[in-house]
Amino acid sequence: MMKFTPGPWVIKHEFNVMDSKGRSVAACGGQMQNFDVEELHAEKIANAHLIAVAPEMYELLEQLECTEYIHSGDTYCICPSCGSEYEHNKDCRLKLLLRKARGE
């Protein structure tokens, strides 16, 4: 598994995503030609916001991967995406997203 830069991540100067130590995680700026400047500016800001919440979204997906339910005193672990207990279906979107984020 790949090691991620720990969150939280914040946005500096509209387009730059930084970690808590001030190190760059991603830069969503850059020059592009033949594009609507205002539309591109808004898109860069939106991309930075999406990237900045990635650690929090990843953590939430990991928590959701196995949601515990208690029924009649027994505890079950059920995936909210594929509905399987303990083992995901091979095409479970939650499992596939987590694997993609881990670089697997």
Foldseek 3Di string as FASTA:
>chain_A
DDDDDDDQWDDDPQQFIAHPVRHTPDGLDDDDPPDDVVVSSVVSNVVNVVVNCVNVVLVVLVCQQFDWDADPNDIWTARPQQGDTPDHDPPRPSVVVNCVVVVD
